[in-house]
Amino acid sequence: VARNRYIQEVQGYNTTVRQFPTNITAKVFGMDTKPNFTVTDEDAISTAPSVDFGDSAKAE
C-alpha cells in the first residue's frame, strides 16, 4: 500500500513539474523530475515473511 502511494505521489509531482505554467516556476527553483520506485529483485519482496511464534502448548 505504501509503495503504491509513493509511486502515485511521485507521478503527481512529476506531472506538476512538467506542466505549463508550473514548469516555469519549477525551473526557477531547480525542481526536477524524480525517479520512480524500482525494485531489483521483485521475487524477493513478493513472498510474505514467515513468522514463528513458538510452541503454543508451552504458552498455556
N, C-alpha and C. Protein backbone atom coordinates (compact mmCIF):
# COMPACT_ATOMS: atom_id res chain seq x y z
N VAL A 1 0.83 -1.18 0.00
CA VAL A 1 0.00 0.00 0.00
C VAL A 1 0.88 1.25 0.00
N ALA A 2 1.88 1.26 0.86
CA ALA A 2 2.76 2.43 0.96
C ALA A 2 3.54 2.64 -0.34
N ARG A 3 3.96 1.56 -0.95
CA ARG A 3 4.70 1.68 -2.21
C ARG A 3 3.83 2.29 -3.29
N ASN A 4 2.57 1.84 -3.38
CA ASN A 4 1.66 2.39 -4.37
C ASN A 4 1.38 3.87 -4.13
N ARG A 5 1.24 4.26 -2.86
CA ARG A 5 1.03 5.67 -2.54
C ARG A 5 2.25 6.50 -2.92
N TYR A 6 3.43 5.98 -2.66
CA TYR A 6 4.67 6.68 -3.03
C TYR A 6 4.74 6.87 -4.54
N ILE A 7 4.45 5.82 -5.28
CA ILE A 7 4.50 5.89 -6.74
C ILE A 7 3.50 6.92 -7.27
N GLN A 8 2.30 6.95 -6.69
CA GLN A 8 1.30 7.92 -7.11
C GLN A 8 1.74 9.34 -6.81
N GLU A 9 2.36 9.56 -5.66
CA GLU A 9 2.84 10.89 -5.31
C GLU A 9 3.96 11.35 -6.24
N VAL A 10 4.87 10.45 -6.57
CA VAL A 10 5.96 10.79 -7.48
C VAL A 10 5.40 11.12 -8.87
N GLN A 11 4.43 10.35 -9.33
CA GLN A 11 3.81 10.62 -10.62
C GLN A 11 3.12 11.98 -10.62
N GLY A 12 2.42 12.29 -9.55
CA GLY A 12 1.76 13.60 -9.44
C GLY A 12 2.76 14.74 -9.42
N TYR A 13 3.84 14.57 -8.68
CA TYR A 13 4.90 15.58 -8.63
C TYR A 13 5.52 15.79 -10.00
N ASN A 14 5.87 14.69 -10.67
CA ASN A 14 6.49 14.80 -11.99
C ASN A 14 5.55 15.45 -13.00
N THR A 15 4.28 15.14 -12.92
CA THR A 15 3.30 15.77 -13.82
C THR A 15 3.22 17.27 -13.55
N THR A 16 3.20 17.66 -12.29
CA THR A 16 3.13 19.07 -11.94
C THR A 16 4.37 19.82 -12.42
N VAL A 17 5.54 19.22 -12.25
CA VAL A 17 6.79 19.87 -12.65
C VAL A 17 6.87 20.04 -14.16
N ARG A 18 6.23 19.17 -14.91
CA ARG A 18 6.29 19.23 -16.37
C ARG A 18 5.21 20.11 -17.01
N GLN A 19 4.13 20.40 -16.29
CA GLN A 19 3.00 21.13 -16.87
C GLN A 19 3.26 22.63 -16.89
N PHE A 20 2.72 23.26 -17.93
CA PHE A 20 2.77 24.71 -18.02
C PHE A 20 1.64 25.27 -17.18
N PRO A 21 1.76 26.28 -16.43
CA PRO A 21 2.85 27.21 -16.21
C PRO A 21 3.74 26.87 -15.02
N THR A 22 3.41 25.76 -14.30
CA THR A 22 4.23 25.42 -13.14
C THR A 22 5.64 24.99 -13.52
N ASN A 23 5.83 24.56 -14.76
CA ASN A 23 7.18 24.16 -15.16
C ASN A 23 8.13 25.35 -15.17
N ILE A 24 7.64 26.55 -15.42
CA ILE A 24 8.49 27.75 -15.37
C ILE A 24 8.96 28.00 -13.95
N THR A 25 8.04 27.94 -13.00
CA THR A 25 8.39 28.13 -11.60
C THR A 25 9.32 27.02 -11.12
N ALA A 26 9.06 25.81 -11.57
CA ALA A 26 9.90 24.68 -11.17
C ALA A 26 11.33 24.85 -11.67
N LYS A 27 11.49 25.34 -12.87
CA LYS A 27 12.84 25.58 -13.41
C LYS A 27 13.56 26.65 -12.62
N VAL A 28 12.85 27.70 -12.22
CA VAL A 28 13.46 28.80 -11.45
C VAL A 28 13.98 28.29 -10.11
N PHE A 29 13.22 27.42 -9.46
CA PHE A 29 13.61 26.92 -8.15
C PHE A 29 14.42 25.62 -8.21
N GLY A 30 14.76 25.17 -9.40
CA GLY A 30 15.60 23.99 -9.56
C GLY A 30 14.89 22.68 -9.28
N MET A 31 13.58 22.68 -9.38
CA MET A 31 12.82 21.44 -9.15
C MET A 31 12.89 20.60 -10.41
N ASP A 32 13.30 19.36 -10.27
CA ASP A 32 13.43 18.45 -11.40
C ASP A 32 12.58 17.22 -11.14
N THR A 33 12.34 16.44 -12.18
CA THR A 33 11.55 15.23 -12.02
C THR A 33 12.30 14.23 -11.15
N LYS A 34 11.57 13.42 -10.43
CA LYS A 34 12.14 12.42 -9.53
C LYS A 34 11.99 11.03 -10.15
N PRO A 35 12.95 10.14 -9.92
CA PRO A 35 12.81 8.78 -10.45
C PRO A 35 11.75 8.02 -9.67
N ASN A 36 11.09 7.11 -10.35
CA ASN A 36 10.07 6.30 -9.72
C ASN A 36 10.71 5.15 -8.94
N PHE A 37 9.96 4.55 -8.05
CA PHE A 37 10.44 3.45 -7.22
C PHE A 37 10.64 2.21 -8.05
N THR A 38 11.81 1.61 -7.95
CA THR A 38 12.08 0.36 -8.65
C THR A 38 12.69 -0.65 -7.68
N VAL A 39 12.47 -1.90 -7.97
CA VAL A 39 13.00 -2.99 -7.15
C VAL A 39 13.84 -3.88 -8.06
N THR A 40 15.04 -4.23 -7.59
CA THR A 40 15.91 -5.07 -8.40
C THR A 40 15.48 -6.53 -8.37
N ASP A 41 14.98 -6.99 -7.21
CA ASP A 41 14.60 -8.40 -7.08
C ASP A 41 13.13 -8.46 -6.65
N GLU A 42 12.24 -8.41 -7.61
CA GLU A 42 10.80 -8.40 -7.33
C GLU A 42 10.35 -9.68 -6.63
N ASP A 43 10.95 -10.82 -6.96
CA ASP A 43 10.56 -12.09 -6.33
C ASP A 43 10.86 -12.12 -4.84
N ALA A 44 11.91 -11.45 -4.43
CA ALA A 44 12.29 -11.46 -3.02
C ALA A 44 11.27 -10.73 -2.14
N ILE A 45 10.64 -9.70 -2.67
CA ILE A 45 9.67 -8.96 -1.86
C ILE A 45 8.23 -9.41 -2.10
N SER A 46 8.00 -10.26 -3.08
CA SER A 46 6.63 -10.70 -3.35
C SER A 46 6.18 -11.82 -2.42
N THR A 47 7.10 -12.51 -1.77
CA THR A 47 6.72 -13.57 -0.84
C THR A 47 6.64 -13.00 0.58
N ALA A 48 5.63 -13.40 1.29
CA ALA A 48 5.44 -12.92 2.66
C ALA A 48 6.48 -13.54 3.59
N PRO A 49 6.92 -12.81 4.60
CA PRO A 49 7.88 -13.38 5.54
C PRO A 49 7.23 -14.45 6.40
N SER A 50 8.01 -15.43 6.82
CA SER A 50 7.47 -16.47 7.69
C SER A 50 7.62 -16.02 9.15
N VAL A 51 6.59 -16.26 9.93
CA VAL A 51 6.57 -15.84 11.32
C VAL A 51 6.38 -17.07 12.19
N ASP A 52 7.22 -17.21 13.22
CA ASP A 52 7.12 -18.34 14.13
C ASP A 52 6.94 -17.80 15.54
N PHE A 53 5.79 -18.09 16.15
CA PHE A 53 5.51 -17.63 17.50
C PHE A 53 5.87 -18.67 18.55
N GLY A 54 6.56 -19.68 18.14
CA GLY A 54 6.97 -20.73 19.07
C GLY A 54 5.89 -21.76 19.27
N ASP A 55 6.09 -22.62 20.23
CA ASP A 55 5.14 -23.68 20.53
C ASP A 55 3.99 -23.11 21.36
N SER A 56 2.76 -23.20 20.83
CA SER A 56 1.61 -22.64 21.53
C SER A 56 1.23 -23.45 22.77
N ALA A 57 1.63 -24.71 22.86
CA ALA A 57 1.31 -25.54 24.03
C ALA A 57 2.07 -25.06 25.25
N LYS A 58 3.26 -24.54 25.10
CA LYS A 58 4.06 -24.06 26.23
C LYS A 58 3.53 -22.74 26.76
N ALA A 59 2.85 -21.98 25.95
CA ALA A 59 2.34 -20.66 26.36
C ALA A 59 1.14 -20.77 27.28
N GLU A 60 0.43 -21.89 27.27
CA GLU A 60 -0.78 -22.03 28.08
C GLU A 60 -0.50 -22.27 29.49
